[in-house]
Amino acid sequence: MYSSRTASFNGNLKHNTHMRKILILFFVIGFYFSAEAQFGVRAGLSSSNFSNTNFNANVGIHVGGYYTILASEFFSVEPGIQFSQKGFETIDPPTSNEVDERLNYVEVPVLVRLNFIPAVNVFAGPQFGALVSRKRTEEGNNQTSTEPVKGYDISGVVGLQALLPRGFNLQVSYDLGLTSVNYFGQDAKNQALKLSIAYDF
């Protein structure tokens, strides 16, 4: 009986020791990533259009925040959230009226950054966008209904970032739509060239 209790006690002790080691490891990893993380804000201009169309590009804005987790000197992961305007401009053939189609999204990119040389990095990653509003401006035919457009957008993001003094950075990126926005039944995808400036706190 004593031997059985002793074995059980030793087994529990070993189990608790392993659990403590695992918990300590999680705390160390969490502290490391927290210590090596940076929060920042970004804003800029974008030139957007639909693929598979003959529309003209539409100039809009994007603004938001991000959280860069520095996994190493050469590698980091950056989730973010931003408000982004997309759409196009064109001329309506029957009326010759100018049309400005603006789609407003809340986007969540998750970027992976690779630092090959000091002060410059390249990045890529997926991005999910939720359509929050729409505004089509045309003489005598303004619309705000979101029904003609799919309510979400999935795209891939690639780009280049240059780090500047005092926590600033410049970034150029390209959003390549991976899913159709189904604009009035058309198989069209969002695409946008973005230029922005950001600040790391």
N, C-alpha and C. Protein backbone atom coordinates (compact mmCIF):
# COMPACT_ATOMS: atom_id res chain seq x y z
N MET A 1 0.84 -1.20 0.00
CA MET A 1 0.00 0.00 0.00
C MET A 1 0.87 1.25 0.00
N TYR A 2 1.93 1.22 0.83
CA TYR A 2 2.83 2.37 0.91
C TYR A 2 3.53 2.60 -0.42
N SER A 3 3.92 1.47 -1.04
CA SER A 3 4.61 1.55 -2.33
C SER A 3 3.71 2.15 -3.39
N SER A 4 2.43 1.77 -3.40
CA SER A 4 1.47 2.30 -4.38
C SER A 4 1.26 3.79 -4.20
N ARG A 5 1.12 4.22 -2.93
CA ARG A 5 0.93 5.65 -2.67
C ARG A 5 2.17 6.45 -3.06
N THR A 6 3.33 5.87 -2.78
CA THR A 6 4.58 6.55 -3.13
C THR A 6 4.71 6.73 -4.64
N ALA A 7 4.37 5.67 -5.37
CA ALA A 7 4.44 5.74 -6.84
C ALA A 7 3.47 6.77 -7.37
N SER A 8 2.25 6.79 -6.77
CA SER A 8 1.25 7.77 -7.21
C SER A 8 1.70 9.19 -6.92
N PHE A 9 2.29 9.36 -5.72
CA PHE A 9 2.77 10.71 -5.35
C PHE A 9 3.88 11.17 -6.29
N ASN A 10 4.82 10.24 -6.57
CA ASN A 10 5.93 10.58 -7.47
C ASN A 10 5.41 10.90 -8.88
N GLY A 11 4.39 10.15 -9.31
CA GLY A 11 3.81 10.41 -10.63
C GLY A 11 3.16 11.77 -10.70
N ASN A 12 2.40 12.13 -9.65
CA ASN A 12 1.76 13.45 -9.62
C ASN A 12 2.79 14.56 -9.56
N LEU A 13 3.87 14.30 -8.80
CA LEU A 13 4.93 15.30 -8.68
C LEU A 13 5.59 15.56 -10.03
N LYS A 14 5.87 14.48 -10.76
CA LYS A 14 6.47 14.63 -12.09
C LYS A 14 5.52 15.36 -13.04
N HIS A 15 4.22 15.01 -12.97
CA HIS A 15 3.22 15.66 -13.82
C HIS A 15 3.14 17.15 -13.52
N ASN A 16 3.12 17.51 -12.23
CA ASN A 16 3.05 18.92 -11.85
C ASN A 16 4.31 19.66 -12.28
N THR A 17 5.46 18.98 -12.18
CA THR A 17 6.71 19.61 -12.62
C THR A 17 6.69 19.90 -14.10
N HIS A 18 6.20 18.94 -14.89
CA HIS A 18 6.09 19.16 -16.35
C HIS A 18 5.11 20.29 -16.66
N MET A 19 3.99 20.33 -15.93
CA MET A 19 3.01 21.38 -16.15
C MET A 19 3.61 22.75 -15.84
N ARG A 20 4.38 22.82 -14.75
CA ARG A 20 5.02 24.10 -14.40
C ARG A 20 6.00 24.53 -15.48
N LYS A 21 6.75 23.58 -16.01
CA LYS A 21 7.71 23.90 -17.08
C LYS A 21 6.99 24.42 -18.31
N ILE A 22 5.87 23.77 -18.65
CA ILE A 22 5.10 24.21 -19.83
C ILE A 22 4.53 25.61 -19.61
N LEU A 23 3.97 25.86 -18.42
CA LEU A 23 3.42 27.18 -18.11
C LEU A 23 4.50 28.25 -18.13
N ILE A 24 5.67 27.93 -17.57
CA ILE A 24 6.78 28.88 -17.58
C ILE A 24 7.21 29.18 -19.00
N LEU A 25 7.23 28.13 -19.86
CA LEU A 25 7.60 28.33 -21.26
C LEU A 25 6.62 29.25 -21.96
N PHE A 26 5.31 29.06 -21.71
CA PHE A 26 4.28 29.92 -22.31
C PHE A 26 4.46 31.37 -21.84
N PHE A 27 4.72 31.56 -20.55
CA PHE A 27 4.91 32.91 -20.02
C PHE A 27 6.14 33.58 -20.64
N VAL A 28 7.21 32.80 -20.80
CA VAL A 28 8.43 33.35 -21.39
C VAL A 28 8.20 33.76 -22.84
N ILE A 29 7.51 32.87 -23.60
CA ILE A 29 7.22 33.18 -25.00
C ILE A 29 6.30 34.39 -25.10
N GLY A 30 5.26 34.43 -24.28
CA GLY A 30 4.34 35.57 -24.30
C GLY A 30 5.04 36.87 -23.94
N PHE A 31 5.92 36.83 -22.92
CA PHE A 31 6.65 38.03 -22.53
C PHE A 31 7.59 38.48 -23.63
N TYR A 32 8.24 37.50 -24.29
CA TYR A 32 9.18 37.83 -25.37
C TYR A 32 8.48 38.55 -26.51
N PHE A 33 7.35 37.97 -26.96
CA PHE A 33 6.64 38.58 -28.08
C PHE A 33 6.04 39.92 -27.70
N SER A 34 5.59 40.06 -26.45
CA SER A 34 5.07 41.36 -26.01
C SER A 34 6.18 42.40 -25.97
N ALA A 35 7.35 41.98 -25.51
CA ALA A 35 8.47 42.91 -25.42
C ALA A 35 8.98 43.30 -26.80
N GLU A 36 8.83 42.40 -27.79
CA GLU A 36 9.35 42.65 -29.12
C GLU A 36 8.26 43.10 -30.11
N ALA A 37 7.13 43.54 -29.62
CA ALA A 37 6.01 43.94 -30.48
C ALA A 37 5.90 45.46 -30.54
N GLN A 38 5.38 45.96 -31.67
CA GLN A 38 5.20 47.39 -31.85
C GLN A 38 3.80 47.66 -32.40
N PHE A 39 3.15 48.65 -31.82
CA PHE A 39 1.87 49.11 -32.33
C PHE A 39 2.10 50.35 -33.17
N GLY A 40 1.36 50.47 -34.28
CA GLY A 40 1.54 51.62 -35.16
C GLY A 40 0.24 52.01 -35.83
N VAL A 41 0.26 53.19 -36.45
CA VAL A 41 -0.88 53.69 -37.22
C VAL A 41 -0.40 54.02 -38.62
N ARG A 42 -1.31 53.85 -39.59
CA ARG A 42 -0.94 54.05 -41.00
C ARG A 42 -2.08 54.75 -41.73
N ALA A 43 -1.71 55.62 -42.69
CA ALA A 43 -2.71 56.30 -43.52
C ALA A 43 -2.08 56.60 -44.88
N GLY A 44 -2.93 56.64 -45.90
CA GLY A 44 -2.40 56.94 -47.23
C GLY A 44 -3.48 56.97 -48.29
N LEU A 45 -3.01 57.02 -49.55
CA LEU A 45 -3.88 57.06 -50.71
C LEU A 45 -3.85 55.73 -51.44
N SER A 46 -4.93 55.44 -52.14
CA SER A 46 -4.99 54.22 -52.93
C SER A 46 -5.60 54.51 -54.30
N SER A 47 -5.12 53.78 -55.29
CA SER A 47 -5.67 53.84 -56.64
C SER A 47 -6.26 52.47 -56.94
N SER A 48 -7.59 52.40 -57.03
CA SER A 48 -8.26 51.11 -57.14
C SER A 48 -9.08 50.99 -58.42
N ASN A 49 -9.36 49.75 -58.77
CA ASN A 49 -10.16 49.47 -59.96
C ASN A 49 -10.69 48.05 -59.87
N PHE A 50 -11.52 47.67 -60.83
CA PHE A 50 -11.99 46.30 -60.96
C PHE A 50 -11.18 45.61 -62.05
N SER A 51 -10.87 44.33 -61.83
CA SER A 51 -10.26 43.54 -62.89
C SER A 51 -11.32 43.16 -63.92
N ASN A 52 -10.88 42.77 -65.10
CA ASN A 52 -11.76 42.30 -66.18
C ASN A 52 -12.76 43.36 -66.63
N THR A 53 -12.40 44.63 -66.50
CA THR A 53 -13.27 45.73 -66.95
C THR A 53 -12.41 46.77 -67.67
N ASN A 54 -13.09 47.72 -68.33
CA ASN A 54 -12.39 48.84 -68.96
C ASN A 54 -12.63 50.13 -68.19
N PHE A 55 -12.90 50.02 -66.89
CA PHE A 55 -13.12 51.19 -66.04
C PHE A 55 -11.80 51.92 -65.78
N ASN A 56 -11.92 53.14 -65.26
CA ASN A 56 -10.76 53.93 -64.85
C ASN A 56 -10.54 53.79 -63.35
N ALA A 57 -9.32 54.04 -62.91
CA ALA A 57 -8.99 53.91 -61.50
C ALA A 57 -9.66 55.00 -60.68
N ASN A 58 -9.96 54.68 -59.44
CA ASN A 58 -10.59 55.59 -58.49
C ASN A 58 -9.60 55.85 -57.35
N VAL A 59 -9.39 57.13 -57.03
CA VAL A 59 -8.47 57.49 -55.94
C VAL A 59 -9.24 57.58 -54.63
N GLY A 60 -8.77 56.87 -53.61
CA GLY A 60 -9.41 56.89 -52.30
C GLY A 60 -8.37 56.95 -51.19
N ILE A 61 -8.81 56.68 -49.98
CA ILE A 61 -7.92 56.72 -48.83
C ILE A 61 -7.98 55.38 -48.08
N HIS A 62 -6.98 55.15 -47.26
CA HIS A 62 -7.02 54.04 -46.31
C HIS A 62 -6.33 54.51 -45.03
N VAL A 63 -6.86 54.07 -43.88
CA VAL A 63 -6.32 54.49 -42.59
C VAL A 63 -6.61 53.40 -41.56
N GLY A 64 -5.64 53.15 -40.69
CA GLY A 64 -5.86 52.11 -39.70
C GLY A 64 -4.67 51.91 -38.78
N GLY A 65 -4.66 50.78 -38.09
CA GLY A 65 -3.59 50.47 -37.15
C GLY A 65 -3.08 49.06 -37.38
N TYR A 66 -1.94 48.76 -36.78
CA TYR A 66 -1.33 47.44 -36.94
C TYR A 66 -0.51 47.10 -35.70
N TYR A 67 -0.18 45.82 -35.58
CA TYR A 67 0.59 45.32 -34.43
C TYR A 67 1.66 44.40 -34.96
N THR A 68 2.90 44.86 -34.98
CA THR A 68 4.01 44.09 -35.54
C THR A 68 4.67 43.25 -34.46
N ILE A 69 4.67 41.93 -34.65
CA ILE A 69 5.31 41.00 -33.72
C ILE A 69 6.67 40.61 -34.30
N LEU A 70 7.74 41.03 -33.67
CA LEU A 70 9.08 40.79 -34.16
C LEU A 70 9.55 39.42 -33.70
N ALA A 71 9.43 38.43 -34.57
CA ALA A 71 9.85 37.08 -34.22
C ALA A 71 11.37 36.95 -34.23
N SER A 72 12.04 37.69 -35.10
CA SER A 72 13.49 37.71 -35.16
C SER A 72 13.93 38.98 -35.86
N GLU A 73 15.22 39.12 -36.03
CA GLU A 73 15.75 40.32 -36.71
C GLU A 73 15.33 40.37 -38.17
N PHE A 74 15.05 39.21 -38.75
CA PHE A 74 14.75 39.14 -40.18
C PHE A 74 13.30 38.80 -40.49
N PHE A 75 12.51 38.50 -39.47
CA PHE A 75 11.16 37.98 -39.72
C PHE A 75 10.18 38.55 -38.70
N SER A 76 9.02 39.01 -39.19
CA SER A 76 7.98 39.50 -38.29
C SER A 76 6.61 39.21 -38.88
N VAL A 77 5.61 39.19 -38.01
CA VAL A 77 4.21 38.98 -38.40
C VAL A 77 3.42 40.21 -37.98
N GLU A 78 2.56 40.69 -38.88
CA GLU A 78 1.85 41.94 -38.61
C GLU A 78 0.37 41.86 -38.94
N PRO A 79 -0.48 41.57 -37.96
CA PRO A 79 -1.92 41.71 -38.16
C PRO A 79 -2.31 43.19 -38.05
N GLY A 80 -3.39 43.56 -38.71
CA GLY A 80 -3.84 44.95 -38.66
C GLY A 80 -5.32 45.08 -38.97
N ILE A 81 -5.81 46.29 -38.89
CA ILE A 81 -7.19 46.59 -39.25
C ILE A 81 -7.22 48.00 -39.83
N GLN A 82 -7.99 48.19 -40.91
CA GLN A 82 -8.01 49.50 -41.56
C GLN A 82 -9.32 49.73 -42.30
N PHE A 83 -9.64 51.01 -42.45
CA PHE A 83 -10.74 51.43 -43.32
C PHE A 83 -10.14 51.71 -44.68
N SER A 84 -10.76 51.18 -45.73
CA SER A 84 -10.18 51.30 -47.07
C SER A 84 -11.26 51.57 -48.10
N GLN A 85 -11.03 52.57 -48.96
CA GLN A 85 -11.95 52.89 -50.04
C GLN A 85 -11.46 52.27 -51.34
N LYS A 86 -12.38 51.58 -52.03
CA LYS A 86 -12.07 50.99 -53.32
C LYS A 86 -13.20 51.32 -54.29
N GLY A 87 -13.04 50.92 -55.55
CA GLY A 87 -14.06 51.20 -56.54
C GLY A 87 -13.47 51.53 -57.89
N PHE A 88 -14.16 52.39 -58.66
CA PHE A 88 -13.70 52.74 -60.01
C PHE A 88 -14.42 54.00 -60.48
N GLU A 89 -13.98 54.52 -61.61
CA GLU A 89 -14.66 55.62 -62.31
C GLU A 89 -14.86 55.21 -63.76
N THR A 90 -15.95 55.68 -64.36
CA THR A 90 -16.22 55.36 -65.76
C THR A 90 -17.23 56.36 -66.33
N ILE A 91 -17.52 56.20 -67.60
CA ILE A 91 -18.57 56.98 -68.27
C ILE A 91 -19.70 56.04 -68.65
N ASP A 92 -20.91 56.38 -68.23
CA ASP A 92 -22.06 55.56 -68.56
C ASP A 92 -22.42 55.78 -70.03
N PRO A 93 -22.27 54.76 -70.90
CA PRO A 93 -22.46 54.96 -72.35
C PRO A 93 -23.82 55.53 -72.75
N PRO A 94 -24.93 55.05 -72.19
CA PRO A 94 -26.22 55.59 -72.65
C PRO A 94 -26.42 57.07 -72.36
N THR A 95 -25.88 57.55 -71.22
CA THR A 95 -26.13 58.94 -70.81
C THR A 95 -24.91 59.84 -70.93
N SER A 96 -23.72 59.24 -71.11
CA SER A 96 -22.44 59.98 -71.12
C SER A 96 -22.16 60.65 -69.78
N ASN A 97 -22.83 60.20 -68.72
CA ASN A 97 -22.59 60.76 -67.39
C ASN A 97 -21.34 60.12 -66.76
N GLU A 98 -20.63 60.92 -65.96
CA GLU A 98 -19.51 60.39 -65.21
C GLU A 98 -20.04 59.58 -64.01
N VAL A 99 -19.46 58.43 -63.78
CA VAL A 99 -19.86 57.55 -62.69
C VAL A 99 -18.69 57.37 -61.74
N ASP A 100 -18.93 57.61 -60.47
CA ASP A 100 -17.93 57.37 -59.43
C ASP A 100 -18.49 56.30 -58.48
N GLU A 101 -17.93 55.10 -58.54
CA GLU A 101 -18.38 53.98 -57.70
C GLU A 101 -17.36 53.79 -56.58
N ARG A 102 -17.83 53.99 -55.34
CA ARG A 102 -16.93 53.89 -54.19
C ARG A 102 -17.44 52.83 -53.23
N LEU A 103 -16.59 51.85 -52.95
CA LEU A 103 -16.90 50.77 -52.02
C LEU A 103 -16.02 50.93 -50.79
N ASN A 104 -16.63 50.98 -49.62
CA ASN A 104 -15.88 51.19 -48.38
C ASN A 104 -15.81 49.89 -47.58
N TYR A 105 -14.59 49.48 -47.26
CA TYR A 105 -14.37 48.21 -46.56
C TYR A 105 -13.66 48.45 -45.22
N VAL A 106 -13.91 47.55 -44.28
CA VAL A 106 -13.03 47.37 -43.13
C VAL A 106 -12.21 46.13 -43.42
N GLU A 107 -10.89 46.30 -43.51
CA GLU A 107 -10.01 45.22 -43.94
C GLU A 107 -9.12 44.75 -42.79
N VAL A 108 -8.85 43.46 -42.78
CA VAL A 108 -7.96 42.86 -41.77
C VAL A 108 -6.85 42.11 -42.51
N PRO A 109 -5.71 42.75 -42.73
CA PRO A 109 -4.57 42.05 -43.33
C PRO A 109 -3.74 41.34 -42.27
N VAL A 110 -3.13 40.24 -42.65
CA VAL A 110 -2.16 39.54 -41.80
C VAL A 110 -0.89 39.35 -42.65
N LEU A 111 0.11 40.19 -42.39
CA LEU A 111 1.28 40.25 -43.24
C LEU A 111 2.48 39.56 -42.60
N VAL A 112 3.30 38.97 -43.44
CA VAL A 112 4.59 38.42 -43.03
C VAL A 112 5.67 39.29 -43.66
N ARG A 113 6.55 39.84 -42.82
CA ARG A 113 7.60 40.74 -43.30
C ARG A 113 8.96 40.06 -43.23
N LEU A 114 9.75 40.21 -44.29
CA LEU A 114 11.11 39.67 -44.35
C LEU A 114 12.08 40.83 -44.54
N ASN A 115 13.04 40.95 -43.61
CA ASN A 115 14.01 42.05 -43.64
C ASN A 115 15.33 41.55 -44.24
N PHE A 116 15.48 41.71 -45.55
CA PHE A 116 16.69 41.25 -46.21
C PHE A 116 17.85 42.22 -46.04
N ILE A 117 17.56 43.51 -46.03
CA ILE A 117 18.59 44.53 -45.84
C ILE A 117 18.11 45.52 -44.79
N PRO A 118 19.02 46.22 -44.10
CA PRO A 118 18.60 47.17 -43.06
C PRO A 118 17.67 48.24 -43.61
N ALA A 119 16.65 48.55 -42.86
CA ALA A 119 15.71 49.64 -43.15
C ALA A 119 14.76 49.37 -44.30
N VAL A 120 14.82 48.17 -44.90
CA VAL A 120 13.91 47.84 -46.00
C VAL A 120 13.40 46.41 -45.79
N ASN A 121 12.11 46.21 -45.98
CA ASN A 121 11.56 44.85 -45.92
C ASN A 121 10.51 44.65 -46.99
N VAL A 122 10.33 43.40 -47.37
CA VAL A 122 9.26 43.02 -48.29
C VAL A 122 8.22 42.25 -47.48
N PHE A 123 6.98 42.26 -47.95
CA PHE A 123 5.93 41.60 -47.18
C PHE A 123 4.86 41.04 -48.10
N ALA A 124 4.11 40.09 -47.56
CA ALA A 124 2.99 39.48 -48.28
C ALA A 124 2.08 38.81 -47.26
N GLY A 125 0.82 38.61 -47.66
CA GLY A 125 -0.11 37.94 -46.77
C GLY A 125 -1.54 38.07 -47.24
N PRO A 126 -2.45 37.35 -46.60
CA PRO A 126 -3.86 37.42 -46.95
C PRO A 126 -4.55 38.62 -46.31
N GLN A 127 -5.69 39.00 -46.86
CA GLN A 127 -6.46 40.12 -46.33
C GLN A 127 -7.96 39.83 -46.49
N PHE A 128 -8.70 40.00 -45.41
CA PHE A 128 -10.16 39.84 -45.45
C PHE A 128 -10.81 41.21 -45.33
N GLY A 129 -11.77 41.51 -46.19
CA GLY A 129 -12.47 42.78 -46.16
C GLY A 129 -13.96 42.59 -46.01
N ALA A 130 -14.58 43.40 -45.16
CA ALA A 130 -16.04 43.40 -44.99
C ALA A 130 -16.59 44.71 -45.54
N LEU A 131 -17.52 44.64 -46.47
CA LEU A 131 -18.12 45.83 -47.06
C LEU A 131 -19.03 46.51 -46.04
N VAL A 132 -18.75 47.79 -45.76
CA VAL A 132 -19.55 48.51 -44.76
C VAL A 132 -20.47 49.55 -45.40
N SER A 133 -20.12 50.05 -46.58
CA SER A 133 -20.99 51.01 -47.25
C SER A 133 -20.61 51.13 -48.72
N ARG A 134 -21.51 51.72 -49.49
CA ARG A 134 -21.29 51.92 -50.92
C ARG A 134 -21.90 53.25 -51.33
N LYS A 135 -21.23 53.95 -52.26
CA LYS A 135 -21.78 55.19 -52.79
C LYS A 135 -21.45 55.30 -54.28
N ARG A 136 -22.49 55.23 -55.08
CA ARG A 136 -22.35 55.41 -56.53
C ARG A 136 -22.88 56.80 -56.87
N THR A 137 -22.02 57.65 -57.38
CA THR A 137 -22.38 59.03 -57.70
C THR A 137 -22.49 59.19 -59.21
N GLU A 138 -23.68 59.54 -59.66
CA GLU A 138 -23.95 59.78 -61.08
C GLU A 138 -25.07 60.80 -61.18
N GLU A 139 -25.00 61.68 -62.14
CA GLU A 139 -26.01 62.72 -62.29
C GLU A 139 -27.40 62.09 -62.44
N GLY A 140 -28.26 62.37 -61.46
CA GLY A 140 -29.63 61.88 -61.51
C GLY A 140 -29.81 60.43 -61.10
N ASN A 141 -28.72 59.76 -60.64
CA ASN A 141 -28.86 58.34 -60.30
C ASN A 141 -27.84 57.95 -59.22
N ASN A 142 -27.94 58.57 -58.06
CA ASN A 142 -27.05 58.24 -56.95
C ASN A 142 -27.60 57.03 -56.19
N GLN A 143 -26.70 56.15 -55.76
CA GLN A 143 -27.10 54.92 -55.06
C GLN A 143 -26.23 54.69 -53.84
N THR A 144 -26.83 54.10 -52.81
CA THR A 144 -26.06 53.73 -51.62
C THR A 144 -26.31 52.29 -51.18
N SER A 145 -27.15 51.57 -51.89
CA SER A 145 -27.45 50.19 -51.52
C SER A 145 -26.23 49.31 -51.74
N THR A 146 -25.98 48.38 -50.81
CA THR A 146 -24.86 47.45 -50.94
C THR A 146 -25.29 46.13 -51.58
N GLU A 147 -26.56 45.99 -51.93
CA GLU A 147 -27.06 44.73 -52.48
C GLU A 147 -26.40 44.31 -53.79
N PRO A 148 -26.00 45.25 -54.69
CA PRO A 148 -25.39 44.82 -55.95
C PRO A 148 -23.97 44.29 -55.80
N VAL A 149 -23.41 44.30 -54.58
CA VAL A 149 -22.01 43.91 -54.37
C VAL A 149 -21.94 42.85 -53.27
N LYS A 150 -21.05 41.88 -53.46
CA LYS A 150 -20.84 40.88 -52.41
C LYS A 150 -20.38 41.57 -51.13
N GLY A 151 -20.81 41.05 -49.99
CA GLY A 151 -20.55 41.71 -48.72
C GLY A 151 -19.17 41.50 -48.14
N TYR A 152 -18.33 40.70 -48.79
CA TYR A 152 -16.97 40.50 -48.30
C TYR A 152 -16.00 40.40 -49.47
N ASP A 153 -14.73 40.53 -49.17
CA ASP A 153 -13.70 40.46 -50.19
C ASP A 153 -12.46 39.80 -49.60
N ILE A 154 -11.90 38.86 -50.32
CA ILE A 154 -10.66 38.21 -49.91
C ILE A 154 -9.58 38.51 -50.94
N SER A 155 -8.45 38.98 -50.49
CA SER A 155 -7.39 39.36 -51.41
C SER A 155 -6.03 38.98 -50.84
N GLY A 156 -5.02 39.05 -51.71
CA GLY A 156 -3.64 38.88 -51.30
C GLY A 156 -2.93 40.22 -51.36
N VAL A 157 -2.00 40.44 -50.46
CA VAL A 157 -1.28 41.72 -50.38
C VAL A 157 0.21 41.46 -50.53
N VAL A 158 0.88 42.24 -51.37
CA VAL A 158 2.34 42.20 -51.49
C VAL A 158 2.84 43.64 -51.47
N GLY A 159 4.07 43.84 -51.00
CA GLY A 159 4.57 45.21 -50.97
C GLY A 159 5.99 45.34 -50.47
N LEU A 160 6.39 46.61 -50.34
CA LEU A 160 7.74 46.99 -49.92
C LEU A 160 7.63 48.12 -48.92
N GLN A 161 8.44 48.04 -47.85
CA GLN A 161 8.42 49.07 -46.81
C GLN A 161 9.83 49.59 -46.57
N ALA A 162 9.94 50.91 -46.40
CA ALA A 162 11.21 51.56 -46.06
C ALA A 162 11.08 52.21 -44.69
N LEU A 163 11.98 51.85 -43.77
CA LEU A 163 11.96 52.41 -42.42
C LEU A 163 12.69 53.75 -42.40
N LEU A 164 12.07 54.74 -41.75
CA LEU A 164 12.62 56.09 -41.66
C LEU A 164 12.99 56.39 -40.21
N PRO A 165 13.75 57.47 -39.98
CA PRO A 165 14.09 57.84 -38.60
C PRO A 165 12.86 58.21 -37.77
N ARG A 166 13.01 58.16 -36.45
CA ARG A 166 12.00 58.59 -35.48
C ARG A 166 10.71 57.78 -35.54
N GLY A 167 10.78 56.51 -35.96
CA GLY A 167 9.63 55.63 -35.93
C GLY A 167 8.71 55.69 -37.13
N PHE A 168 9.04 56.49 -38.14
CA PHE A 168 8.20 56.59 -39.33
C PHE A 168 8.61 55.54 -40.36
N ASN A 169 7.69 55.20 -41.26
CA ASN A 169 8.01 54.33 -42.38
C ASN A 169 7.10 54.64 -43.56
N LEU A 170 7.60 54.39 -44.74
CA LEU A 170 6.84 54.53 -45.98
C LEU A 170 6.58 53.15 -46.56
N GLN A 171 5.42 53.00 -47.18
CA GLN A 171 5.05 51.68 -47.68
C GLN A 171 4.29 51.78 -48.99
N VAL A 172 4.61 50.91 -49.91
CA VAL A 172 3.83 50.76 -51.14
C VAL A 172 3.39 49.30 -51.22
N SER A 173 2.11 49.10 -51.52
CA SER A 173 1.58 47.73 -51.55
C SER A 173 0.55 47.59 -52.67
N TYR A 174 0.27 46.35 -52.99
CA TYR A 174 -0.73 46.06 -54.03
C TYR A 174 -1.69 45.00 -53.51
N ASP A 175 -2.98 45.31 -53.56
CA ASP A 175 -4.04 44.37 -53.19
C ASP A 175 -4.53 43.66 -54.44
N LEU A 176 -4.43 42.36 -54.46
CA LEU A 176 -4.89 41.57 -55.60
C LEU A 176 -6.09 40.73 -55.16
N GLY A 177 -7.27 41.09 -55.68
CA GLY A 177 -8.48 40.38 -55.30
C GLY A 177 -8.45 38.91 -55.70
N LEU A 178 -8.86 38.04 -54.78
CA LEU A 178 -8.89 36.61 -55.04
C LEU A 178 -10.30 36.09 -55.24
N THR A 179 -11.29 36.87 -54.82
CA THR A 179 -12.69 36.48 -54.99
C THR A 179 -13.44 37.58 -55.74
N SER A 180 -14.42 37.20 -56.52
CA SER A 180 -15.22 38.16 -57.27
C SER A 180 -16.13 38.95 -56.32
N VAL A 181 -16.26 40.25 -56.59
CA VAL A 181 -17.19 41.06 -55.80
C VAL A 181 -18.61 40.94 -56.35
N ASN A 182 -18.75 40.24 -57.47
CA ASN A 182 -20.06 39.98 -58.07
C ASN A 182 -20.85 41.27 -58.27
N TYR A 183 -20.19 42.28 -58.84
CA TYR A 183 -20.79 43.59 -59.04
C TYR A 183 -21.86 43.52 -60.12
N PHE A 184 -23.13 43.63 -59.72
CA PHE A 184 -24.27 43.48 -60.62
C PHE A 184 -24.13 42.20 -61.46
N GLY A 185 -23.62 41.15 -60.85
CA GLY A 185 -23.48 39.87 -61.53
C GLY A 185 -22.20 39.72 -62.33
N GLN A 186 -21.37 40.76 -62.42
CA GLN A 186 -20.13 40.68 -63.17
C GLN A 186 -19.05 39.96 -62.37
N ASP A 187 -18.22 39.19 -63.07
CA ASP A 187 -17.09 38.52 -62.44
C ASP A 187 -15.92 39.50 -62.37
N ALA A 188 -15.96 40.40 -61.41
CA ALA A 188 -14.92 41.42 -61.26
C ALA A 188 -14.30 41.31 -59.88
N LYS A 189 -12.99 41.62 -59.80
CA LYS A 189 -12.27 41.53 -58.53
C LYS A 189 -11.63 42.87 -58.22
N ASN A 190 -11.58 43.20 -56.92
CA ASN A 190 -10.91 44.42 -56.50
C ASN A 190 -9.40 44.33 -56.71
N GLN A 191 -8.82 45.43 -57.10
CA GLN A 191 -7.37 45.54 -57.15
C GLN A 191 -7.01 46.98 -56.80
N ALA A 192 -5.95 47.15 -56.03
CA ALA A 192 -5.62 48.49 -55.55
C ALA A 192 -4.13 48.64 -55.31
N LEU A 193 -3.60 49.78 -55.72
CA LEU A 193 -2.23 50.18 -55.41
C LEU A 193 -2.29 51.19 -54.27
N LYS A 194 -1.57 50.91 -53.16
CA LYS A 194 -1.64 51.76 -51.98
C LYS A 194 -0.26 52.35 -51.66
N LEU A 195 -0.26 53.63 -51.32
CA LEU A 195 0.94 54.32 -50.86
C LEU A 195 0.61 54.95 -49.52
N SER A 196 1.42 54.68 -48.49
CA SER A 196 1.07 55.15 -47.16
C SER A 196 2.29 55.54 -46.35
N ILE A 197 2.05 56.30 -45.30
CA ILE A 197 3.05 56.63 -44.31
C ILE A 197 2.53 56.15 -42.96
N ALA A 198 3.44 55.67 -42.11
CA ALA A 198 3.03 55.10 -40.83
C ALA A 198 3.99 55.55 -39.73
N TYR A 199 3.52 55.35 -38.50
CA TYR A 199 4.33 55.69 -37.33
C TYR A 199 4.24 54.58 -36.30
N ASP A 200 5.37 54.12 -35.80
CA ASP A 200 5.44 53.11 -34.75
C ASP A 200 5.59 53.77 -33.39
N PHE A 201 4.73 53.39 -32.46
CA PHE A 201 4.81 53.94 -31.10
C PHE A 201 5.85 53.19 -30.26
